[in-house]
Structures are given as structure tokens and as C-alpha cells.
Amino acid sequence: MGILDADLTGPSIAKVFGLKERPSKSPTGRITPVLTRTGIKVMSINLVLDDPEMPVIWRGPIVNSVIRQLYWDVDWGSLHYLLVDLPPGTSDAPLTVLQSLPLDGVIVVSSPQELASMIVTKAVNMAKKMNAELLGLVENMSYLTCPHCGKSINVFGEPQGEKLAKQLDIPFLGSVPVDPTIARLSDHGQIEDYSASVFQTVADELRIRASQHAQQLMQGLPIAWSIQPSES
């Protein structure tokens, strides 16, 4: 498993995993990603900056070049999955990833507000225009579970994820709640200690979608025939 933090201007992956070690170079001269406690390979711009709190003030061409380097110049080794974390919208970062990286699919993350739905719709339409496979939509911060009575509170309004997914004609992978535990563990760099059945449900649904897409790709591959010369 690997994670590429392609949100260059707002990188957060290294922080939530508690990573401070700088990437090293492999014997082949490529960059070796940093490992988390559970063995996830991570590459983020914050791991190579001298001061992680300094802003990254780069124009489009530099952003494009750095994202490509974070993928192609890194020795990812053998992975089952590589997740690429992107900023919202249709800026240079997602455009570069869609154009330059060999993606198997795109996961869209929304939230209940109509404003978020508008931005997500733009991103989905961008992915469709670039012929990217849309694996599905996840609604984040869909509700808050009351710690006293256990009822769901719609903090940001009625959930819209399933409805939005239908409108966009993409699979709905599920809804995840607002959980203060996530914020606390992220602040302490201990996100790997988090566990919740709702996230497992979303992950299982995503795994099924990714597997189905991989099978479709395999069915479309040409078959190589081996013809033995006949004996004369």
C-alpha cells in the first residue's frame, strides 16, 4: 500500500501519519518513500522541505513537474494499491495526475453542502472529459453520532451523497461520519490507530469496484498465441 500526497500547497498526509523522516535514495538513485508504522509507503512534499510550515508558492508548470517526480522518480516497489491524495477542484494538480499518471480510477469525496456538490460535479465532469474511470463517490462528514443517545445529527444538512452519485451516474460507495477521534488521532500522527466499521464498509465496496474494473481491463487485453512449427 502506498500514498502519494499530490496536494502540494496543503500537504497533510505526513502529519496525520506522524512522519518526520526524510526520504532516502535507493542504490539505483531513485527516491525511497518513507514507511509508516504499519508499512504504508508515503511520499509527500512536506517530507523534503527544510521547514514543513513554509508555504509552497509555485506556478502551474512547477506543480506539474514536481507531481510527476513524486511518482516517476520514487521507488514504489510492488504495491497492491497506490492512493493519490488531491486538493479539491480542477486545478493543476488533478489535471497533471489525470494526464501523467497511469490511473486505474478516481474516487470522488463530497460532503452534504450544496456548495460542495457543485465543486464535486465540476471534478467529475473533468474526469469524464479525460476518460478517467470513476470508481465511485464517498460522502464525508455526512452525520455526527450523538455520544449520549446514539442518534445521527445532520450537522451540515441532509445527506446528499447517494442522490448526487445518481445524478452524476457514478457508484455510491457510502457515507462516513464526523468523528472527533479522527481529528485527535490525526493531530497526534496516529491515524493508523483508528478503526470503524463504516470505513471498512466503504473500503470493501471500493475494493469490489477496483477489482471489477481490473477484470474488465484484463478482458480487453490481446491474447498472445504461441504457435509451434510443424514437423516436416
C-alpha atoms as a PDB file:
ATOM      1  CA  MET A   1       0.000   0.000   0.000  1.00  0.00           C
ATOM      2  CA  GLY A   2       1.280   3.469  -0.880  1.00  0.00           C
ATOM      3  CA  ILE A   3       0.062   7.062  -0.611  1.00  0.00           C
ATOM      4  CA  LEU A   4       1.252   9.903  -2.829  1.00  0.00           C
ATOM      5  CA  ASP A   5       0.375  13.314  -1.385  1.00  0.00           C
ATOM      6  CA  ALA A   6      -0.224  15.370  -4.539  1.00  0.00           C
ATOM      7  CA  ASP A   7      -1.743  18.287  -2.619  1.00  0.00           C
ATOM      8  CA  LEU A   8       1.469  20.310  -2.820  1.00  0.00           C
ATOM      9  CA  THR A   9       0.098  23.543  -1.358  1.00  0.00           C
ATOM     10  CA  GLY A  10      -1.742  21.886   1.531  1.00  0.00           C
ATOM     11  CA  PRO A  11       0.029  18.582   2.237  1.00  0.00           C
ATOM     12  CA  SER A  12      -1.330  16.742   5.273  1.00  0.00           C
ATOM     13  CA  ILE A  13      -0.511  13.060   4.798  1.00  0.00           C
ATOM     14  CA  ALA A  14       2.867  13.146   6.568  1.00  0.00           C
ATOM     15  CA  LYS A  15       1.301  14.939   9.545  1.00  0.00           C
ATOM     16  CA  VAL A  16      -1.586  12.528  10.093  1.00  0.00           C
ATOM     17  CA  PHE A  17       0.810   9.552   9.962  1.00  0.00           C
ATOM     18  CA  GLY A  18       3.335  11.238  12.266  1.00  0.00           C
ATOM     19  CA  LEU A  19       6.146  11.111   9.688  1.00  0.00           C
ATOM     20  CA  LYS A  20       9.199  13.355  10.009  1.00  0.00           C
ATOM     21  CA  GLU A  21      11.915  11.206   8.442  1.00  0.00           C
ATOM     22  CA  ARG A  22      13.271  12.479   5.135  1.00  0.00           C
ATOM     23  CA  PRO A  23      13.154  10.138   2.119  1.00  0.00           C
ATOM     24  CA  SER A  24      16.435   8.478   1.191  1.00  0.00           C
ATOM     25  CA  LYS A  25      17.858   7.396  -2.149  1.00  0.00           C
ATOM     26  CA  SER A  26      17.939   3.799  -3.309  1.00  0.00           C
ATOM     27  CA  PRO A  27      21.075   2.202  -4.846  1.00  0.00           C
ATOM     28  CA  THR A  28      19.575   2.946  -8.268  1.00  0.00           C
ATOM     29  CA  GLY A  29      19.390   6.657  -7.457  1.00  0.00           C
ATOM     30  CA  ARG A  30      15.615   6.745  -7.103  1.00  0.00           C
ATOM     31  CA  ILE A  31      13.810   8.174  -4.063  1.00  0.00           C
ATOM     32  CA  THR A  32      12.753   5.707  -1.374  1.00  0.00           C
ATOM     33  CA  PRO A  33       9.364   6.546   0.188  1.00  0.00           C
ATOM     34  CA  VAL A  34       9.026   6.792   3.961  1.00  0.00           C
ATOM     35  CA  LEU A  35       7.334   3.890   5.751  1.00  0.00           C
ATOM     36  CA  THR A  36       4.606   4.329   8.357  1.00  0.00           C
ATOM     37  CA  ARG A  37       4.329   2.148  11.466  1.00  0.00           C
ATOM     38  CA  THR A  38       2.157  -0.362   9.609  1.00  0.00           C
ATOM     39  CA  GLY A  39       4.294  -0.409   6.462  1.00  0.00           C
ATOM     40  CA  ILE A  40       2.441   2.062   4.218  1.00  0.00           C
ATOM     41  CA  LYS A  41       4.781   3.774   1.750  1.00  0.00           C
ATOM     42  CA  VAL A  42       4.314   7.564   1.791  1.00  0.00           C
ATOM     43  CA  MET A  43       5.698  10.348  -0.374  1.00  0.00           C
ATOM     44  CA  SER A  44       4.834  13.986   0.362  1.00  0.00           C
ATOM     45  CA  ILE A  45       6.403  17.340  -0.427  1.00  0.00           C
ATOM     46  CA  ASN A  46       6.447  18.079   3.321  1.00  0.00           C
ATOM     47  CA  LEU A  47       8.941  15.248   3.799  1.00  0.00           C
ATOM     48  CA  VAL A  48      11.541  17.001   1.641  1.00  0.00           C
ATOM     49  CA  LEU A  49      11.051  20.625   2.742  1.00  0.00           C
ATOM     50  CA  ASP A  50      13.540  22.008   5.265  1.00  0.00           C
ATOM     51  CA  ASP A  51      10.646  23.637   7.131  1.00  0.00           C
ATOM     52  CA  PRO A  52       7.256  21.885   6.761  1.00  0.00           C
ATOM     53  CA  GLU A  53       5.458  25.091   7.774  1.00  0.00           C
ATOM     54  CA  MET A  54       6.878  27.132   4.900  1.00  0.00           C
ATOM     55  CA  PRO A  55       4.354  27.709   2.090  1.00  0.00           C
ATOM     56  CA  VAL A  56       4.813  26.208  -1.350  1.00  0.00           C
ATOM     57  CA  ILE A  57       4.341  29.124  -3.755  1.00  0.00           C
ATOM     58  CA  TRP A  58       4.649  27.543  -7.175  1.00  0.00           C
ATOM     59  CA  ARG A  59       3.009  28.199 -10.504  1.00  0.00           C
ATOM     60  CA  GLY A  60       1.428  25.517 -12.665  1.00  0.00           C
ATOM     61  CA  PRO A  61       4.484  24.257 -14.612  1.00  0.00           C
ATOM     62  CA  ILE A  62       6.469  23.637 -11.411  1.00  0.00           C
ATOM     63  CA  VAL A  63       3.493  21.928  -9.744  1.00  0.00           C
ATOM     64  CA  ASN A  64       3.161  19.663 -12.775  1.00  0.00           C
ATOM     65  CA  SER A  65       6.861  18.780 -12.759  1.00  0.00           C
ATOM     66  CA  VAL A  66       7.022  18.043  -9.019  1.00  0.00           C
ATOM     67  CA  ILE A  67       3.949  15.778  -9.051  1.00  0.00           C
ATOM     68  CA  ARG A  68       5.417  13.767 -11.912  1.00  0.00           C
ATOM     69  CA  GLN A  69       8.698  13.466  -9.985  1.00  0.00           C
ATOM     70  CA  LEU A  70       6.909  12.305  -6.833  1.00  0.00           C
ATOM     71  CA  TYR A  71       5.520   9.418  -8.862  1.00  0.00           C
ATOM     72  CA  TRP A  72       8.068   8.524 -11.540  1.00  0.00           C
ATOM     73  CA  ASP A  73      11.271   9.222  -9.554  1.00  0.00           C
ATOM     74  CA  VAL A  74      10.136   7.291  -6.465  1.00  0.00           C
ATOM     75  CA  ASP A  75      10.931   3.606  -5.993  1.00  0.00           C
ATOM     76  CA  TRP A  76       7.437   2.447  -5.017  1.00  0.00           C
ATOM     77  CA  GLY A  77       8.313  -1.215  -5.400  1.00  0.00           C
ATOM     78  CA  SER A  78       5.494  -3.754  -5.509  1.00  0.00           C
ATOM     79  CA  LEU A  79       2.127  -2.344  -4.398  1.00  0.00           C
ATOM     80  CA  HIS A  80      -1.429  -3.612  -4.349  1.00  0.00           C
ATOM     81  CA  TYR A  81      -2.793  -0.062  -4.253  1.00  0.00           C
ATOM     82  CA  LEU A  82      -1.361   3.442  -4.590  1.00  0.00           C
ATOM     83  CA  LEU A  83      -3.675   6.225  -3.421  1.00  0.00           C
ATOM     84  CA  VAL A  84      -3.050   9.735  -4.764  1.00  0.00           C
ATOM     85  CA  ASP A  85      -4.417  12.441  -2.454  1.00  0.00           C
ATOM     86  CA  LEU A  86      -5.529  15.560  -4.340  1.00  0.00           C
ATOM     87  CA  PRO A  87      -6.856  19.012  -3.442  1.00  0.00           C
ATOM     88  CA  PRO A  88     -10.498  19.757  -4.310  1.00  0.00           C
ATOM     89  CA  GLY A  89     -11.471  21.299  -7.615  1.00  0.00           C
ATOM     90  CA  THR A  90      -9.982  21.193 -11.102  1.00  0.00           C
ATOM     91  CA  SER A  91      -6.619  22.891 -10.604  1.00  0.00           C
ATOM     92  CA  ASP A  92      -3.174  21.976 -11.975  1.00  0.00           C
ATOM     93  CA  ALA A  93      -2.652  19.112  -9.513  1.00  0.00           C
ATOM     94  CA  PRO A  94      -5.629  16.927 -10.538  1.00  0.00           C
ATOM     95  CA  LEU A  95      -5.082  17.832 -14.192  1.00  0.00           C
ATOM     96  CA  THR A  96      -1.463  16.640 -14.001  1.00  0.00           C
ATOM     97  CA  VAL A  97      -2.432  13.411 -12.229  1.00  0.00           C
ATOM     98  CA  LEU A  98      -5.134  12.628 -14.791  1.00  0.00           C
ATOM     99  CA  GLN A  99      -2.795  13.345 -17.704  1.00  0.00           C
ATOM    100  CA  SER A 100       0.536  11.980 -16.464  1.00  0.00           C
ATOM    101  CA  LEU A 101      -0.079   9.068 -14.082  1.00  0.00           C
ATOM    102  CA  PRO A 102      -1.353   5.591 -15.078  1.00  0.00           C
ATOM    103  CA  LEU A 103      -4.561   5.726 -13.036  1.00  0.00           C
ATOM    104  CA  ASP A 104      -6.935   2.802 -12.645  1.00  0.00           C
ATOM    105  CA  GLY A 105      -9.714   5.024 -11.348  1.00  0.00           C
ATOM    106  CA  VAL A 106     -10.872   8.106  -9.472  1.00  0.00           C
ATOM    107  CA  ILE A 107     -12.599   8.254  -6.075  1.00  0.00           C
ATOM    108  CA  VAL A 108     -14.672  11.394  -5.512  1.00  0.00           C
ATOM    109  CA  VAL A 109     -15.198  12.769  -1.991  1.00  0.00           C
ATOM    110  CA  SER A 110     -18.145  15.049  -1.262  1.00  0.00           C
ATOM    111  CA  SER A 111     -19.957  16.483   1.760  1.00  0.00           C
ATOM    112  CA  PRO A 112     -23.640  17.317   2.354  1.00  0.00           C
ATOM    113  CA  GLN A 113     -23.500  21.036   1.458  1.00  0.00           C
ATOM    114  CA  GLU A 114     -24.786  22.117  -1.955  1.00  0.00           C
ATOM    115  CA  LEU A 115     -21.634  24.194  -2.428  1.00  0.00           C
ATOM    116  CA  ALA A 116     -19.520  21.045  -2.118  1.00  0.00           C
ATOM    117  CA  SER A 117     -21.809  19.267  -4.579  1.00  0.00           C
ATOM    118  CA  MET A 118     -21.166  21.970  -7.168  1.00  0.00           C
ATOM    119  CA  ILE A 119     -17.380  21.620  -6.821  1.00  0.00           C
ATOM    120  CA  VAL A 120     -17.591  17.822  -6.924  1.00  0.00           C
ATOM    121  CA  THR A 121     -19.719  17.979 -10.069  1.00  0.00           C
ATOM    122  CA  LYS A 122     -17.021  20.048 -11.766  1.00  0.00           C
ATOM    123  CA  ALA A 123     -14.372  17.492 -10.777  1.00  0.00           C
ATOM    124  CA  VAL A 124     -16.484  14.572 -12.012  1.00  0.00           C
ATOM    125  CA  ASN A 125     -17.150  16.281 -15.342  1.00  0.00           C
ATOM    126  CA  MET A 126     -13.429  16.948 -15.682  1.00  0.00           C
ATOM    127  CA  ALA A 127     -12.635  13.270 -15.072  1.00  0.00           C
ATOM    128  CA  LYS A 128     -15.264  12.210 -17.609  1.00  0.00           C
ATOM    129  CA  LYS A 129     -13.871  14.583 -20.240  1.00  0.00           C
ATOM    130  CA  MET A 130     -10.453  12.992 -19.721  1.00  0.00           C
ATOM    131  CA  ASN A 131     -11.900   9.467 -19.940  1.00  0.00           C
ATOM    132  CA  ALA A 132     -10.915   8.562 -16.378  1.00  0.00           C
ATOM    133  CA  GLU A 133     -12.680   5.634 -14.725  1.00  0.00           C
ATOM    134  CA  LEU A 134     -14.870   6.873 -11.851  1.00  0.00           C
ATOM    135  CA  LEU A 135     -14.841   4.193  -9.152  1.00  0.00           C
ATOM    136  CA  GLY A 136     -17.422   5.978  -7.030  1.00  0.00           C
ATOM    137  CA  LEU A 137     -18.358   8.734  -4.606  1.00  0.00           C
ATOM    138  CA  VAL A 138     -17.904   8.856  -0.828  1.00  0.00           C
ATOM    139  CA  GLU A 139     -19.775  11.412   1.272  1.00  0.00           C
ATOM    140  CA  ASN A 140     -17.574  12.736   4.079  1.00  0.00           C
ATOM    141  CA  MET A 141     -18.885  14.427   7.257  1.00  0.00           C
ATOM    142  CA  SER A 142     -22.306  13.032   6.422  1.00  0.00           C
ATOM    143  CA  TYR A 143     -23.530  12.998  10.025  1.00  0.00           C
ATOM    144  CA  LEU A 144     -22.447  13.118  13.659  1.00  0.00           C
ATOM    145  CA  THR A 145     -23.369  10.335  16.060  1.00  0.00           C
ATOM    146  CA  CYS A 146     -24.555  11.758  19.380  1.00  0.00           C
ATOM    147  CA  PRO A 147     -22.289  10.362  22.140  1.00  0.00           C
ATOM    148  CA  HIS A 148     -25.205  10.350  24.595  1.00  0.00           C
ATOM    149  CA  CYS A 149     -28.205   8.933  22.718  1.00  0.00           C
ATOM    150  CA  GLY A 150     -26.545   7.414  19.636  1.00  0.00           C
ATOM    151  CA  LYS A 151     -28.781   9.264  17.171  1.00  0.00           C
ATOM    152  CA  SER A 152     -27.394  10.732  13.956  1.00  0.00           C
ATOM    153  CA  ILE A 153     -27.197  14.531  13.764  1.00  0.00           C
ATOM    154  CA  ASN A 154     -27.023  16.100  10.298  1.00  0.00           C
ATOM    155  CA  VAL A 155     -24.561  18.861  11.171  1.00  0.00           C
ATOM    156  CA  PHE A 156     -24.171  20.099   7.588  1.00  0.00           C
ATOM    157  CA  GLY A 157     -27.698  19.384   6.396  1.00  0.00           C
ATOM    158  CA  GLU A 158     -29.398  16.332   4.969  1.00  0.00           C
ATOM    159  CA  PRO A 159     -27.003  13.796   3.388  1.00  0.00           C
ATOM    160  CA  GLN A 160     -26.786  14.300  -0.374  1.00  0.00           C
ATOM    161  CA  GLY A 161     -24.154  11.749  -1.385  1.00  0.00           C
ATOM    162  CA  GLU A 162     -26.343   8.976  -2.750  1.00  0.00           C
ATOM    163  CA  LYS A 163     -28.564  11.444  -4.609  1.00  0.00           C
ATOM    164  CA  LEU A 164     -25.545  13.231  -6.085  1.00  0.00           C
ATOM    165  CA  ALA A 165     -23.973   9.952  -7.199  1.00  0.00           C
ATOM    166  CA  LYS A 166     -27.173   9.048  -9.057  1.00  0.00           C
ATOM    167  CA  GLN A 167     -27.274  12.458 -10.735  1.00  0.00           C
ATOM    168  CA  LEU A 168     -23.668  12.043 -11.860  1.00  0.00           C
ATOM    169  CA  ASP A 169     -24.244   8.412 -12.881  1.00  0.00           C
ATOM    170  CA  ILE A 170     -21.425   7.037 -10.733  1.00  0.00           C
ATOM    171  CA  PRO A 171     -21.471   4.386  -7.966  1.00  0.00           C
ATOM    172  CA  PHE A 172     -22.160   5.477  -4.392  1.00  0.00           C
ATOM    173  CA  LEU A 173     -19.572   3.895  -2.086  1.00  0.00           C
ATOM    174  CA  GLY A 174     -21.037   5.053   1.225  1.00  0.00           C
ATOM    175  CA  SER A 175     -21.154   7.785   3.868  1.00  0.00           C
ATOM    176  CA  VAL A 176     -18.682   8.440   6.670  1.00  0.00           C
ATOM    177  CA  PRO A 177     -19.431  10.479   9.798  1.00  0.00           C
ATOM    178  CA  VAL A 178     -17.874  13.415  11.579  1.00  0.00           C
ATOM    179  CA  ASP A 179     -15.767  11.703  14.242  1.00  0.00           C
ATOM    180  CA  PRO A 180     -13.743  13.718  16.799  1.00  0.00           C
ATOM    181  CA  THR A 181     -11.496  10.686  17.258  1.00  0.00           C
ATOM    182  CA  ILE A 182     -10.183  11.131  13.707  1.00  0.00           C
ATOM    183  CA  ALA A 183      -9.223  14.740  14.439  1.00  0.00           C
ATOM    184  CA  ARG A 184      -7.473  13.787  17.677  1.00  0.00           C
ATOM    185  CA  LEU A 185      -5.500  10.911  16.162  1.00  0.00           C
ATOM    186  CA  SER A 186      -4.579  12.976  13.096  1.00  0.00           C
ATOM    187  CA  ASP A 187      -3.240  15.793  15.277  1.00  0.00           C
ATOM    188  CA  HIS A 188      -1.045  13.280  17.106  1.00  0.00           C
ATOM    189  CA  GLY A 189       0.110  11.470  13.956  1.00  0.00           C
ATOM    190  CA  GLN A 190      -1.660   8.279  14.984  1.00  0.00           C
ATOM    191  CA  ILE A 191      -4.308   7.871  12.284  1.00  0.00           C
ATOM    192  CA  GLU A 192      -3.346   4.210  11.847  1.00  0.00           C
ATOM    193  CA  ASP A 193      -4.829   3.527  15.286  1.00  0.00           C
ATOM    194  CA  TYR A 194      -8.301   4.462  14.031  1.00  0.00           C
ATOM    195  CA  SER A 195     -10.826   1.762  13.251  1.00  0.00           C
ATOM    196  CA  ALA A 196     -14.549   1.929  12.461  1.00  0.00           C
ATOM    197  CA  SER A 197     -16.902  -0.467  10.710  1.00  0.00           C
ATOM    198  CA  VAL A 198     -18.328   2.266   8.470  1.00  0.00           C
ATOM    199  CA  PHE A 199     -14.895   2.864   6.929  1.00  0.00           C
ATOM    200  CA  GLN A 200     -14.424  -0.870   6.430  1.00  0.00           C
ATOM    201  CA  THR A 201     -17.740  -0.978   4.564  1.00  0.00           C
ATOM    202  CA  VAL A 202     -16.625   1.812   2.226  1.00  0.00           C
ATOM    203  CA  ALA A 203     -13.225   0.154   1.723  1.00  0.00           C
ATOM    204  CA  ASP A 204     -14.850  -3.196   0.894  1.00  0.00           C
ATOM    205  CA  GLU A 205     -17.152  -1.562  -1.654  1.00  0.00           C
ATOM    206  CA  LEU A 206     -14.210   0.258  -3.215  1.00  0.00           C
ATOM    207  CA  ARG A 207     -12.170  -2.951  -3.358  1.00  0.00           C
ATOM    208  CA  ILE A 208     -15.002  -4.663  -5.243  1.00  0.00           C
ATOM    209  CA  ARG A 209     -15.264  -1.783  -7.715  1.00  0.00           C
ATOM    210  CA  ALA A 210     -11.495  -1.715  -8.291  1.00  0.00           C
ATOM    211  CA  SER A 211     -11.413  -5.487  -8.793  1.00  0.00           C
ATOM    212  CA  GLN A 212     -14.264  -5.354 -11.308  1.00  0.00           C
ATOM    213  CA  HIS A 213     -12.503  -2.600 -13.236  1.00  0.00           C
ATOM    214  CA  ALA A 214      -9.241  -4.577 -13.269  1.00  0.00           C
ATOM    215  CA  GLN A 215     -11.062  -7.637 -14.629  1.00  0.00           C
ATOM    216  CA  GLN A 216     -12.614  -5.532 -17.385  1.00  0.00           C
ATOM    217  CA  LEU A 217      -9.175  -4.254 -18.347  1.00  0.00           C
ATOM    218  CA  MET A 218      -7.769  -7.784 -18.410  1.00  0.00           C
ATOM    219  CA  GLN A 219     -10.599  -8.969 -20.661  1.00  0.00           C
ATOM    220  CA  GLY A 220      -9.697  -6.235 -23.126  1.00  0.00           C
ATOM    221  CA  LEU A 221      -6.032  -7.249 -23.394  1.00  0.00           C
ATOM    222  CA  PRO A 222      -4.891  -9.002 -26.571  1.00  0.00           C
ATOM    223  CA  ILE A 223      -4.090 -12.705 -26.308  1.00  0.00           C
ATOM    224  CA  ALA A 224      -0.624 -13.824 -27.379  1.00  0.00           C
ATOM    225  CA  TRP A 225      -0.721 -17.152 -29.214  1.00  0.00           C
ATOM    226  CA  SER A 226       2.287 -19.456 -29.238  1.00  0.00           C
ATOM    227  CA  ILE A 227       2.467 -21.427 -32.494  1.00  0.00           C
ATOM    228  CA  GLN A 228       4.846 -24.352 -32.636  1.00  0.00           C
ATOM    229  CA  PRO A 229       6.457 -25.009 -36.023  1.00  0.00           C
ATOM    230  CA  SER A 230       5.101 -28.118 -37.681  1.00  0.00           C
ATOM    231  CA  GLU A 231       7.392 -31.043 -38.281  1.00  0.00           C
ATOM    232  CA  SER A 232       8.101 -31.648 -41.953  1.00  0.00           C
END
